[in-house]
Amino acid sequence: MMNHWIKASAAALLMGGMAVTGLASAEGDPEAGAEKVAVCAACHGMDGKATADIYPSLSGQSATYLEMSLKAYRDDLRGGGMAAVMTPQAINLSDQDIADIAAYYSQQ
């Protein structure tokens, strides 16, 4: 229980700090992102429109929000119902991969 609280607190600090400063670790390339979303598209659609109501649509979301969310899943800092699905999907993504995917979906 304490470990989950520590992870959640770290995620909140990380995400809050990034939101306040507006810093992203890499400049995303939406064209490169289009080449990297095949796995994402199974649930979120190629165009960012979810394939089922249980998945969020990503089209038009803030690139910063998408990047922070993917990094939190990748770094096992985000819990909740979809973490069991998202963490394994994000775990092998580099910062550049995440920035590219976020840039792509934010422009859909």
PDB file of N, CA and C in Angstrom:
ATOM      1  N   MET A   1       0.832  -1.189   0.000  1.00  0.00           N
ATOM      2  CA  MET A   1       0.000   0.000   0.000  1.00  0.00           C
ATOM      3  C   MET A   1       0.881   1.258   0.000  1.00  0.00           C
ATOM      4  N   MET A   2       1.910   1.268   0.847  1.00  0.00           N
ATOM      5  CA  MET A   2       2.786   2.425   0.927  1.00  0.00           C
ATOM      6  C   MET A   2       3.535   2.621  -0.388  1.00  0.00           C
ATOM      7  N   ASN A   3       3.985   1.512  -1.018  1.00  0.00           N
ATOM      8  CA  ASN A   3       4.710   1.612  -2.275  1.00  0.00           C
ATOM      9  C   ASN A   3       3.839   2.256  -3.350  1.00  0.00           C
ATOM     10  N   HIS A   4       2.556   1.878  -3.408  1.00  0.00           N
ATOM     11  CA  HIS A   4       1.643   2.477  -4.381  1.00  0.00           C
ATOM     12  C   HIS A   4       1.491   3.970  -4.107  1.00  0.00           C
ATOM     13  N   TRP A   5       1.396   4.352  -2.854  1.00  0.00           N
ATOM     14  CA  TRP A   5       1.258   5.767  -2.501  1.00  0.00           C
ATOM     15  C   TRP A   5       2.491   6.544  -2.933  1.00  0.00           C
ATOM     16  N   ILE A   6       3.677   5.962  -2.726  1.00  0.00           N
ATOM     17  CA  ILE A   6       4.924   6.618  -3.118  1.00  0.00           C
ATOM     18  C   ILE A   6       4.961   6.795  -4.632  1.00  0.00           C
ATOM     19  N   LYS A   7       4.595   5.751  -5.389  1.00  0.00           N
ATOM     20  CA  LYS A   7       4.577   5.850  -6.845  1.00  0.00           C
ATOM     21  C   LYS A   7       3.581   6.910  -7.304  1.00  0.00           C
ATOM     22  N   ALA A   8       2.406   6.913  -6.709  1.00  0.00           N
ATOM     23  CA  ALA A   8       1.383   7.887  -7.088  1.00  0.00           C
ATOM     24  C   ALA A   8       1.846   9.307  -6.778  1.00  0.00           C
ATOM     25  N   SER A   9       2.493   9.479  -5.647  1.00  0.00           N
ATOM     26  CA  SER A   9       3.002  10.800  -5.274  1.00  0.00           C
ATOM     27  C   SER A   9       4.101  11.253  -6.219  1.00  0.00           C
ATOM     28  N   ALA A  10       4.989  10.342  -6.565  1.00  0.00           N
ATOM     29  CA  ALA A  10       6.060  10.680  -7.496  1.00  0.00           C
ATOM     30  C   ALA A  10       5.490  11.052  -8.859  1.00  0.00           C
ATOM     31  N   ALA A  11       4.478  10.314  -9.298  1.00  0.00           N
ATOM     32  CA  ALA A  11       3.847  10.627 -10.586  1.00  0.00           C
ATOM     33  C   ALA A  11       3.194  11.994 -10.549  1.00  0.00           C
ATOM     34  N   ALA A  12       2.518  12.297  -9.464  1.00  0.00           N
ATOM     35  CA  ALA A  12       1.854  13.602  -9.344  1.00  0.00           C
ATOM     36  C   ALA A  12       2.882  14.727  -9.362  1.00  0.00           C
ATOM     37  N   LEU A  13       3.992  14.537  -8.653  1.00  0.00           N
ATOM     38  CA  LEU A  13       5.038  15.559  -8.656  1.00  0.00           C
ATOM     39  C   LEU A  13       5.656  15.712 -10.025  1.00  0.00           C
ATOM     40  N   LEU A  14       5.954  14.578 -10.670  1.00  0.00           N
ATOM     41  CA  LEU A  14       6.550  14.615 -11.994  1.00  0.00           C
ATOM     42  C   LEU A  14       5.613  15.297 -12.973  1.00  0.00           C
ATOM     43  N   MET A  15       4.368  14.864 -12.987  1.00  0.00           N
ATOM     44  CA  MET A  15       3.413  15.414 -13.943  1.00  0.00           C
ATOM     45  C   MET A  15       3.106  16.871 -13.623  1.00  0.00           C
ATOM     46  N   GLY A  16       3.005  17.200 -12.353  1.00  0.00           N
ATOM     47  CA  GLY A  16       2.754  18.584 -11.966  1.00  0.00           C
ATOM     48  C   GLY A  16       3.919  19.476 -12.335  1.00  0.00           C
ATOM     49  N   GLY A  17       5.123  18.996 -12.117  1.00  0.00           N
ATOM     50  CA  GLY A  17       6.304  19.783 -12.447  1.00  0.00           C
ATOM     51  C   GLY A  17       6.433  20.009 -13.937  1.00  0.00           C
ATOM     52  N   MET A  18       6.116  18.984 -14.716  1.00  0.00           N
ATOM     53  CA  MET A  18       6.196  19.144 -16.166  1.00  0.00           C
ATOM     54  C   MET A  18       5.119  20.096 -16.653  1.00  0.00           C
ATOM     55  N   ALA A  19       3.948  20.032 -16.045  1.00  0.00           N
ATOM     56  CA  ALA A  19       2.858  20.905 -16.480  1.00  0.00           C
ATOM     57  C   ALA A  19       3.171  22.355 -16.144  1.00  0.00           C
ATOM     58  N   VAL A  20       3.787  22.580 -14.983  1.00  0.00           N
ATOM     59  CA  VAL A  20       4.101  23.939 -14.570  1.00  0.00           C
ATOM     60  C   VAL A  20       5.181  24.543 -15.450  1.00  0.00           C
ATOM     61  N   THR A  21       6.214  23.745 -15.724  1.00  0.00           N
ATOM     62  CA  THR A  21       7.317  24.280 -16.506  1.00  0.00           C
ATOM     63  C   THR A  21       7.042  24.236 -17.999  1.00  0.00           C
ATOM     64  N   GLY A  22       6.147  23.314 -18.403  1.00  0.00           N
ATOM     65  CA  GLY A  22       5.854  23.175 -19.816  1.00  0.00           C
ATOM     66  C   GLY A  22       6.977  22.516 -20.592  1.00  0.00           C
ATOM     67  N   LEU A  23       7.925  21.888 -19.902  1.00  0.00           N
ATOM     68  CA  LEU A  23       9.053  21.267 -20.575  1.00  0.00           C
ATOM     69  C   LEU A  23       8.709  19.864 -21.041  1.00  0.00           C
ATOM     70  N   ALA A  24       9.110  19.540 -22.225  1.00  0.00           N
ATOM     71  CA  ALA A  24       9.020  18.182 -22.730  1.00  0.00           C
ATOM     72  C   ALA A  24      10.442  17.740 -23.026  1.00  0.00           C
ATOM     73  N   SER A  25      10.700  16.466 -22.901  1.00  0.00           N
ATOM     74  CA  SER A  25      12.076  16.013 -23.036  1.00  0.00           C
ATOM     75  C   SER A  25      12.534  15.918 -24.484  1.00  0.00           C
ATOM     76  N   ALA A  26      11.616  15.783 -25.417  1.00  0.00           N
ATOM     77  CA  ALA A  26      12.013  15.657 -26.815  1.00  0.00           C
ATOM     78  C   ALA A  26      10.969  16.331 -27.688  1.00  0.00           C
ATOM     79  N   GLU A  27      11.411  16.820 -28.824  1.00  0.00           N
ATOM     80  CA  GLU A  27      10.494  17.421 -29.790  1.00  0.00           C
ATOM     81  C   GLU A  27       9.882  16.285 -30.600  1.00  0.00           C
ATOM     82  N   GLY A  28       8.565  16.205 -30.578  1.00  0.00           N
ATOM     83  CA  GLY A  28       7.890  15.130 -31.281  1.00  0.00           C
ATOM     84  C   GLY A  28       7.733  15.396 -32.762  1.00  0.00           C
ATOM     85  N   ASP A  29       7.842  14.346 -33.545  1.00  0.00           N
ATOM     86  CA  ASP A  29       7.674  14.396 -34.997  1.00  0.00           C
ATOM     87  C   ASP A  29       6.413  13.596 -35.345  1.00  0.00           C
ATOM     88  N   PRO A  30       5.337  14.283 -35.732  1.00  0.00           N
ATOM     89  CA  PRO A  30       4.095  13.568 -36.010  1.00  0.00           C
ATOM     90  C   PRO A  30       4.208  12.556 -37.156  1.00  0.00           C
ATOM     91  N   GLU A  31       5.060  12.826 -38.153  1.00  0.00           N
ATOM     92  CA  GLU A  31       5.244  11.866 -39.244  1.00  0.00           C
ATOM     93  C   GLU A  31       5.901  10.591 -38.743  1.00  0.00           C
ATOM     94  N   ALA A  32       6.890  10.738 -37.870  1.00  0.00           N
ATOM     95  CA  ALA A  32       7.524   9.560 -37.266  1.00  0.00           C
ATOM     96  C   ALA A  32       6.522   8.853 -36.357  1.00  0.00           C
ATOM     97  N   GLY A  33       5.707   9.630 -35.660  1.00  0.00           N
ATOM     98  CA  GLY A  33       4.691   9.054 -34.788  1.00  0.00           C
ATOM     99  C   GLY A  33       3.698   8.190 -35.541  1.00  0.00           C
ATOM    100  N   ALA A  34       3.339   8.597 -36.763  1.00  0.00           N
ATOM    101  CA  ALA A  34       2.406   7.821 -37.582  1.00  0.00           C
ATOM    102  C   ALA A  34       2.942   6.414 -37.850  1.00  0.00           C
ATOM    103  N   GLU A  35       4.257   6.293 -37.884  1.00  0.00           N
ATOM    104  CA  GLU A  35       4.896   4.991 -38.118  1.00  0.00           C
ATOM    105  C   GLU A  35       4.961   4.152 -36.841  1.00  0.00           C
ATOM    106  N   LYS A  36       4.684   4.758 -35.688  1.00  0.00           N
ATOM    107  CA  LYS A  36       4.868   4.082 -34.400  1.00  0.00           C
ATOM    108  C   LYS A  36       3.570   3.746 -33.677  1.00  0.00           C
ATOM    109  N   VAL A  37       2.424   4.057 -34.256  1.00  0.00           N
ATOM    110  CA  VAL A  37       1.161   3.903 -33.527  1.00  0.00           C
ATOM    111  C   VAL A  37       0.391   2.625 -33.857  1.00  0.00           C
ATOM    112  N   ALA A  38       0.997   1.704 -34.583  1.00  0.00           N
ATOM    113  CA  ALA A  38       0.278   0.483 -34.973  1.00  0.00           C
ATOM    114  C   ALA A  38      -0.308  -0.248 -33.762  1.00  0.00           C
ATOM    115  N   VAL A  39       0.474  -0.420 -32.722  1.00  0.00           N
ATOM    116  CA  VAL A  39      -0.019  -1.114 -31.524  1.00  0.00           C
ATOM    117  C   VAL A  39      -1.081  -0.267 -30.830  1.00  0.00           C
ATOM    118  N   CYS A  40      -0.875   1.031 -30.767  1.00  0.00           N
ATOM    119  CA  CYS A  40      -1.829   1.945 -30.128  1.00  0.00           C
ATOM    120  C   CYS A  40      -3.184   1.903 -30.832  1.00  0.00           C
ATOM    121  N   ALA A  41      -3.132   1.775 -32.161  1.00  0.00           N
ATOM    122  CA  ALA A  41      -4.335   1.855 -32.989  1.00  0.00           C
ATOM    123  C   ALA A  41      -5.336   0.749 -32.680  1.00  0.00           C
ATOM    124  N   ALA A  42      -4.884  -0.362 -32.145  1.00  0.00           N
ATOM    125  CA  ALA A  42      -5.806  -1.453 -31.826  1.00  0.00           C
ATOM    126  C   ALA A  42      -6.905  -0.990 -30.870  1.00  0.00           C
ATOM    127  N   CYS A  43      -6.576  -0.100 -29.957  1.00  0.00           N
ATOM    128  CA  CYS A  43      -7.554   0.410 -28.987  1.00  0.00           C
ATOM    129  C   CYS A  43      -7.934   1.865 -29.243  1.00  0.00           C
ATOM    130  N   HIS A  44      -6.961   2.664 -29.637  1.00  0.00           N
ATOM    131  CA  HIS A  44      -7.166   4.108 -29.771  1.00  0.00           C
ATOM    132  C   HIS A  44      -7.431   4.557 -31.208  1.00  0.00           C
ATOM    133  N   GLY A  45      -7.340   3.631 -32.165  1.00  0.00           N
ATOM    134  CA  GLY A  45      -7.580   3.948 -33.567  1.00  0.00           C
ATOM    135  C   GLY A  45      -6.404   4.664 -34.207  1.00  0.00           C
ATOM    136  N   MET A  46      -6.224   4.460 -35.501  1.00  0.00           N
ATOM    137  CA  MET A  46      -5.142   5.155 -36.218  1.00  0.00           C
ATOM    138  C   MET A  46      -5.349   6.658 -36.193  1.00  0.00           C
ATOM    139  N   ASP A  47      -6.605   7.073 -36.212  1.00  0.00           N
ATOM    140  CA  ASP A  47      -6.925   8.503 -36.221  1.00  0.00           C
ATOM    141  C   ASP A  47      -7.152   9.052 -34.812  1.00  0.00           C
ATOM    142  N   GLY A  48      -6.896   8.217 -33.801  1.00  0.00           N
ATOM    143  CA  GLY A  48      -7.056   8.660 -32.420  1.00  0.00           C
ATOM    144  C   GLY A  48      -8.466   8.556 -31.882  1.00  0.00           C
ATOM    145  N   LYS A  49      -9.375   8.018 -32.666  1.00  0.00           N
ATOM    146  CA  LYS A  49     -10.752   7.811 -32.212  1.00  0.00           C
ATOM    147  C   LYS A  49     -10.856   6.386 -31.705  1.00  0.00           C
ATOM    148  N   ALA A  50     -11.183   6.258 -30.425  1.00  0.00           N
ATOM    149  CA  ALA A  50     -11.195   4.963 -29.754  1.00  0.00           C
ATOM    150  C   ALA A  50     -12.053   3.942 -30.480  1.00  0.00           C
ATOM    151  N   THR A  51     -11.609   2.685 -30.428  1.00  0.00           N
ATOM    152  CA  THR A  51     -12.320   1.596 -31.082  1.00  0.00           C
ATOM    153  C   THR A  51     -13.451   1.043 -30.233  1.00  0.00           C
ATOM    154  N   ALA A  52     -13.486   1.393 -28.948  1.00  0.00           N
ATOM    155  CA  ALA A  52     -14.553   0.974 -28.037  1.00  0.00           C
ATOM    156  C   ALA A  52     -14.684   2.027 -26.938  1.00  0.00           C
ATOM    157  N   ASP A  53     -15.841   2.084 -26.326  1.00  0.00           N
ATOM    158  CA  ASP A  53     -16.107   3.103 -25.304  1.00  0.00           C
ATOM    159  C   ASP A  53     -15.193   3.012 -24.082  1.00  0.00           C
ATOM    160  N   ILE A  54     -14.609   1.856 -23.838  1.00  0.00           N
ATOM    161  CA  ILE A  54     -13.755   1.726 -22.647  1.00  0.00           C
ATOM    162  C   ILE A  54     -12.382   2.350 -22.829  1.00  0.00           C
ATOM    163  N   TYR A  55     -12.021   2.696 -24.077  1.00  0.00           N
ATOM    164  CA  TYR A  55     -10.727   3.313 -24.357  1.00  0.00           C
ATOM    165  C   TYR A  55     -10.907   4.799 -24.644  1.00  0.00           C
ATOM    166  N   PRO A  56      -9.965   5.617 -24.193  1.00  0.00           N
ATOM    167  CA  PRO A  56     -10.085   7.054 -24.491  1.00  0.00           C
ATOM    168  C   PRO A  56      -9.672   7.379 -25.926  1.00  0.00           C
ATOM    169  N   SER A  57     -10.350   8.345 -26.495  1.00  0.00           N
ATOM    170  CA  SER A  57      -9.926   8.878 -27.786  1.00  0.00           C
ATOM    171  C   SER A  57      -8.748   9.806 -27.538  1.00  0.00           C
ATOM    172  N   LEU A  58      -7.751   9.728 -28.391  1.00  0.00           N
ATOM    173  CA  LEU A  58      -6.534  10.519 -28.212  1.00  0.00           C
ATOM    174  C   LEU A  58      -6.439  11.677 -29.194  1.00  0.00           C
ATOM    175  N   SER A  59      -7.267  11.671 -30.225  1.00  0.00           N
ATOM    176  CA  SER A  59      -7.180  12.728 -31.232  1.00  0.00           C
ATOM    177  C   SER A  59      -7.433  14.090 -30.604  1.00  0.00           C
ATOM    178  N   GLY A  60      -6.547  15.011 -30.922  1.00  0.00           N
ATOM    179  CA  GLY A  60      -6.692  16.383 -30.446  1.00  0.00           C
ATOM    180  C   GLY A  60      -6.294  16.618 -28.997  1.00  0.00           C
ATOM    181  N   GLN A  61      -5.857  15.575 -28.293  1.00  0.00           N
ATOM    182  CA  GLN A  61      -5.386  15.771 -26.914  1.00  0.00           C
ATOM    183  C   GLN A  61      -4.073  16.548 -26.953  1.00  0.00           C
ATOM    184  N   SER A  62      -3.774  17.219 -25.886  1.00  0.00           N
ATOM    185  CA  SER A  62      -2.516  17.944 -25.762  1.00  0.00           C
ATOM    186  C   SER A  62      -1.337  16.971 -25.864  1.00  0.00           C
ATOM    187  N   ALA A  63      -0.348  17.320 -26.686  1.00  0.00           N
ATOM    188  CA  ALA A  63       0.850  16.484 -26.806  1.00  0.00           C
ATOM    189  C   ALA A  63       1.552  16.356 -25.461  1.00  0.00           C
ATOM    190  N   THR A  64       1.557  17.429 -24.687  1.00  0.00           N
ATOM    191  CA  THR A  64       2.205  17.391 -23.366  1.00  0.00           C
ATOM    192  C   THR A  64       1.498  16.396 -22.455  1.00  0.00           C
ATOM    193  N   TYR A  65       0.167  16.421 -22.453  1.00  0.00           N
ATOM    194  CA  TYR A  65      -0.601  15.481 -21.636  1.00  0.00           C
ATOM    195  C   TYR A  65      -0.331  14.044 -22.075  1.00  0.00           C
ATOM    196  N   LEU A  66      -0.377  13.792 -23.371  1.00  0.00           N
ATOM    197  CA  LEU A  66      -0.147  12.438 -23.868  1.00  0.00           C
ATOM    198  C   LEU A  66       1.249  11.955 -23.525  1.00  0.00           C
ATOM    199  N   GLU A  67       2.230  12.839 -23.668  1.00  0.00           N
ATOM    200  CA  GLU A  67       3.614  12.473 -23.356  1.00  0.00           C
ATOM    201  C   GLU A  67       3.770  12.153 -21.868  1.00  0.00           C
ATOM    202  N   MET A  68       3.228  12.993 -21.018  1.00  0.00           N
ATOM    203  CA  MET A  68       3.327  12.750 -19.571  1.00  0.00           C
ATOM    204  C   MET A  68       2.630  11.451 -19.185  1.00  0.00           C
ATOM    205  N   SER A  69       1.474  11.197 -19.780  1.00  0.00           N
ATOM    206  CA  SER A  69       0.725   9.983 -19.458  1.00  0.00           C
ATOM    207  C   SER A  69       1.491   8.733 -19.878  1.00  0.00           C
ATOM    208  N   LEU A  70       2.003   8.732 -21.095  1.00  0.00           N
ATOM    209  CA  LEU A  70       2.753   7.566 -21.562  1.00  0.00           C
ATOM    210  C   LEU A  70       4.009   7.327 -20.728  1.00  0.00           C
ATOM    211  N   LYS A  71       4.699   8.401 -20.371  1.00  0.00           N
ATOM    212  CA  LYS A  71       5.893   8.239 -19.533  1.00  0.00           C
ATOM    213  C   LYS A  71       5.528   7.702 -18.158  1.00  0.00           C
ATOM    214  N   ALA A  72       4.430   8.156 -17.606  1.00  0.00           N
ATOM    215  CA  ALA A  72       3.996   7.666 -16.295  1.00  0.00           C
ATOM    216  C   ALA A  72       3.648   6.183 -16.365  1.00  0.00           C
ATOM    217  N   TYR A  73       2.971   5.753 -17.437  1.00  0.00           N
ATOM    218  CA  TYR A  73       2.702   4.314 -17.608  1.00  0.00           C
ATOM    219  C   TYR A  73       4.015   3.552 -17.781  1.00  0.00           C
ATOM    220  N   ARG A  74       4.887   4.041 -18.653  1.00  0.00           N
ATOM    221  CA  ARG A  74       6.152   3.365 -18.920  1.00  0.00           C
ATOM    222  C   ARG A  74       6.978   3.191 -17.655  1.00  0.00           C
ATOM    223  N   ASP A  75       7.014   4.223 -16.824  1.00  0.00           N
ATOM    224  CA  ASP A  75       7.842   4.213 -15.628  1.00  0.00           C
ATOM    225  C   ASP A  75       7.128   3.616 -14.420  1.00  0.00           C
ATOM    226  N   ASP A  76       5.964   3.000 -14.659  1.00  0.00           N
ATOM    227  CA  ASP A  76       5.170   2.331 -13.623  1.00  0.00           C
ATOM    228  C   ASP A  76       4.787   3.289 -12.496  1.00  0.00           C
ATOM    229  N   LEU A  77       4.461   4.521 -12.876  1.00  0.00           N
ATOM    230  CA  LEU A  77       4.066   5.533 -11.910  1.00  0.00           C
ATOM    231  C   LEU A  77       2.569   5.810 -11.947  1.00  0.00           C
ATOM    232  N   ARG A  78       1.881   5.197 -12.882  1.00  0.00           N
ATOM    233  CA  ARG A  78       0.446   5.440 -13.020  1.00  0.00           C
ATOM    234  C   ARG A  78      -0.287   4.139 -12.806  1.00  0.00           C
ATOM    235  N   GLY A  79      -1.242   4.175 -11.903  1.00  0.00           N
ATOM    236  CA  GLY A  79      -2.040   2.993 -11.607  1.00  0.00           C
ATOM    237  C   GLY A  79      -3.423   3.125 -12.207  1.00  0.00           C
ATOM    238  N   GLY A  80      -4.325   2.368 -11.678  1.00  0.00           N
ATOM    239  CA  GLY A  80      -5.698   2.431 -12.166  1.00  0.00           C
ATOM    240  C   GLY A  80      -6.003   1.264 -13.078  1.00  0.00           C
ATOM    241  N   GLY A  81      -7.236   1.225 -13.520  1.00  0.00           N
ATOM    242  CA  GLY A  81      -7.738   0.102 -14.288  1.00  0.00           C
ATOM    243  C   GLY A  81      -6.980  -0.210 -15.556  1.00  0.00           C
ATOM    244  N   MET A  82      -6.527   0.792 -16.271  1.00  0.00           N
ATOM    245  CA  MET A  82      -5.868   0.543 -17.549  1.00  0.00           C
ATOM    246  C   MET A  82      -4.347   0.386 -17.443  1.00  0.00           C
ATOM    247  N   ALA A  83      -3.800   0.572 -16.270  1.00  0.00           N
ATOM    248  CA  ALA A  83      -2.346   0.448 -16.109  1.00  0.00           C
ATOM    249  C   ALA A  83      -1.862  -0.950 -16.480  1.00  0.00           C
ATOM    250  N   ALA A  84      -2.655  -1.965 -16.179  1.00  0.00           N
ATOM    251  CA  ALA A  84      -2.255  -3.336 -16.508  1.00  0.00           C
ATOM    252  C   ALA A  84      -2.132  -3.541 -18.017  1.00  0.00           C
ATOM    253  N   VAL A  85      -2.873  -2.769 -18.795  1.00  0.00           N
ATOM    254  CA  VAL A  85      -2.806  -2.850 -20.251  1.00  0.00           C
ATOM    255  C   VAL A  85      -1.741  -1.894 -20.789  1.00  0.00           C
ATOM    256  N   MET A  86      -1.713  -0.675 -20.259  1.00  0.00           N
ATOM    257  CA  MET A  86      -0.850   0.364 -20.817  1.00  0.00           C
ATOM    258  C   MET A  86       0.628   0.226 -20.445  1.00  0.00           C
ATOM    259  N   THR A  87       0.936  -0.171 -19.246  1.00  0.00           N
ATOM    260  CA  THR A  87       2.339  -0.266 -18.831  1.00  0.00           C
ATOM    261  C   THR A  87       3.132  -1.211 -19.729  1.00  0.00           C
ATOM    262  N   PRO A  88       2.632  -2.426 -20.018  1.00  0.00           N
ATOM    263  CA  PRO A  88       3.400  -3.297 -20.920  1.00  0.00           C
ATOM    264  C   PRO A  88       3.537  -2.728 -22.342  1.00  0.00           C
ATOM    265  N   GLN A  89       2.566  -1.937 -22.767  1.00  0.00           N
ATOM    266  CA  GLN A  89       2.642  -1.335 -24.099  1.00  0.00           C
ATOM    267  C   GLN A  89       3.687  -0.221 -24.151  1.00  0.00           C
ATOM    268  N   ALA A  90       3.818   0.503 -23.053  1.00  0.00           N
ATOM    269  CA  ALA A  90       4.701   1.673 -23.021  1.00  0.00           C
ATOM    270  C   ALA A  90       6.121   1.367 -22.543  1.00  0.00           C
ATOM    271  N   ILE A  91       6.319   0.232 -21.937  1.00  0.00           N
ATOM    272  CA  ILE A  91       7.581  -0.041 -21.239  1.00  0.00           C
ATOM    273  C   ILE A  91       8.816   0.023 -22.141  1.00  0.00           C
ATOM    274  N   ASN A  92       8.688  -0.307 -23.412  1.00  0.00           N
ATOM    275  CA  ASN A  92       9.856  -0.301 -24.301  1.00  0.00           C
ATOM    276  C   ASN A  92       9.948   0.944 -25.171  1.00  0.00           C
ATOM    277  N   LEU A  93       9.098   1.936 -24.907  1.00  0.00           N
ATOM    278  CA  LEU A  93       9.131   3.170 -25.692  1.00  0.00           C
ATOM    279  C   LEU A  93      10.207   4.116 -25.163  1.00  0.00           C
ATOM    280  N   SER A  94      10.976   4.674 -26.065  1.00  0.00           N
ATOM    281  CA  SER A  94      11.967   5.690 -25.682  1.00  0.00           C
ATOM    282  C   SER A  94      11.257   7.022 -25.505  1.00  0.00           C
ATOM    283  N   ASP A  95      11.958   7.998 -24.935  1.00  0.00           N
ATOM    284  CA  ASP A  95      11.399   9.346 -24.826  1.00  0.00           C
ATOM    285  C   ASP A  95      11.036   9.890 -26.201  1.00  0.00           C
ATOM    286  N   GLN A  96      11.864   9.606 -27.210  1.00  0.00           N
ATOM    287  CA  GLN A  96      11.589  10.086 -28.563  1.00  0.00           C
ATOM    288  C   GLN A  96      10.356   9.407 -29.147  1.00  0.00           C
ATOM    289  N   ASP A  97      10.223   8.093 -28.939  1.00  0.00           N
ATOM    290  CA  ASP A  97       9.029   7.382 -29.404  1.00  0.00           C
ATOM    291  C   ASP A  97       7.774   8.024 -28.818  1.00  0.00           C
ATOM    292  N   ILE A  98       7.808   8.271 -27.519  1.00  0.00           N
ATOM    293  CA  ILE A  98       6.661   8.850 -26.828  1.00  0.00           C
ATOM    294  C   ILE A  98       6.353  10.240 -27.364  1.00  0.00           C
ATOM    295  N   ALA A  99       7.382  11.051 -27.560  1.00  0.00           N
ATOM    296  CA  ALA A  99       7.170  12.406 -28.086  1.00  0.00           C
ATOM    297  C   ALA A  99       6.566  12.350 -29.493  1.00  0.00           C
ATOM    298  N   ASP A 100       7.029  11.408 -30.310  1.00  0.00           N
ATOM    299  CA  ASP A 100       6.515  11.278 -31.668  1.00  0.00           C
ATOM    300  C   ASP A 100       5.055  10.829 -31.674  1.00  0.00           C
ATOM    301  N   ILE A 101       4.743   9.832 -30.866  1.00  0.00           N
ATOM    302  CA  ILE A 101       3.359   9.340 -30.768  1.00  0.00           C
ATOM    303  C   ILE A 101       2.437  10.447 -30.249  1.00  0.00           C
ATOM    304  N   ALA A 102       2.884  11.174 -29.243  1.00  0.00           N
ATOM    305  CA  ALA A 102       2.083  12.271 -28.679  1.00  0.00           C
ATOM    306  C   ALA A 102       1.859  13.351 -29.729  1.00  0.00           C
ATOM    307  N   ALA A 103       2.894  13.680 -30.485  1.00  0.00           N
ATOM    308  CA  ALA A 103       2.759  14.706 -31.534  1.00  0.00           C
ATOM    309  C   ALA A 103       1.771  14.252 -32.597  1.00  0.00           C
ATOM    310  N   TYR A 104       1.840  12.989 -32.985  1.00  0.00           N
ATOM    311  CA  TYR A 104       0.940  12.459 -34.008  1.00  0.00           C
ATOM    312  C   TYR A 104      -0.522  12.556 -33.548  1.00  0.00           C
ATOM    313  N   TYR A 105      -0.821  11.968 -32.383  1.00  0.00           N
ATOM    314  CA  TYR A 105      -2.216  11.954 -31.925  1.00  0.00           C
ATOM    315  C   TYR A 105      -2.739  13.359 -31.614  1.00  0.00           C
ATOM    316  N   SER A 106      -1.884  14.240 -31.163  1.00  0.00           N
ATOM    317  CA  SER A 106      -2.355  15.599 -30.851  1.00  0.00           C
ATOM    318  C   SER A 106      -2.783  16.347 -32.108  1.00  0.00           C
ATOM    319  N   GLN A 107      -2.286  15.940 -33.262  1.00  0.00           N
ATOM    320  CA  GLN A 107      -2.611  16.615 -34.515  1.00  0.00           C
ATOM    321  C   GLN A 107      -3.733  15.949 -35.302  1.00  0.00           C
ATOM    322  N   GLN A 108      -4.301  14.895 -34.751  1.00  0.00           N
ATOM    323  CA  GLN A 108      -5.397  14.200 -35.455  1.00  0.00           C
ATOM    324  C   GLN A 108      -6.711  14.911 -35.220  1.00  0.00           C
TER     325      GLN A 108
END
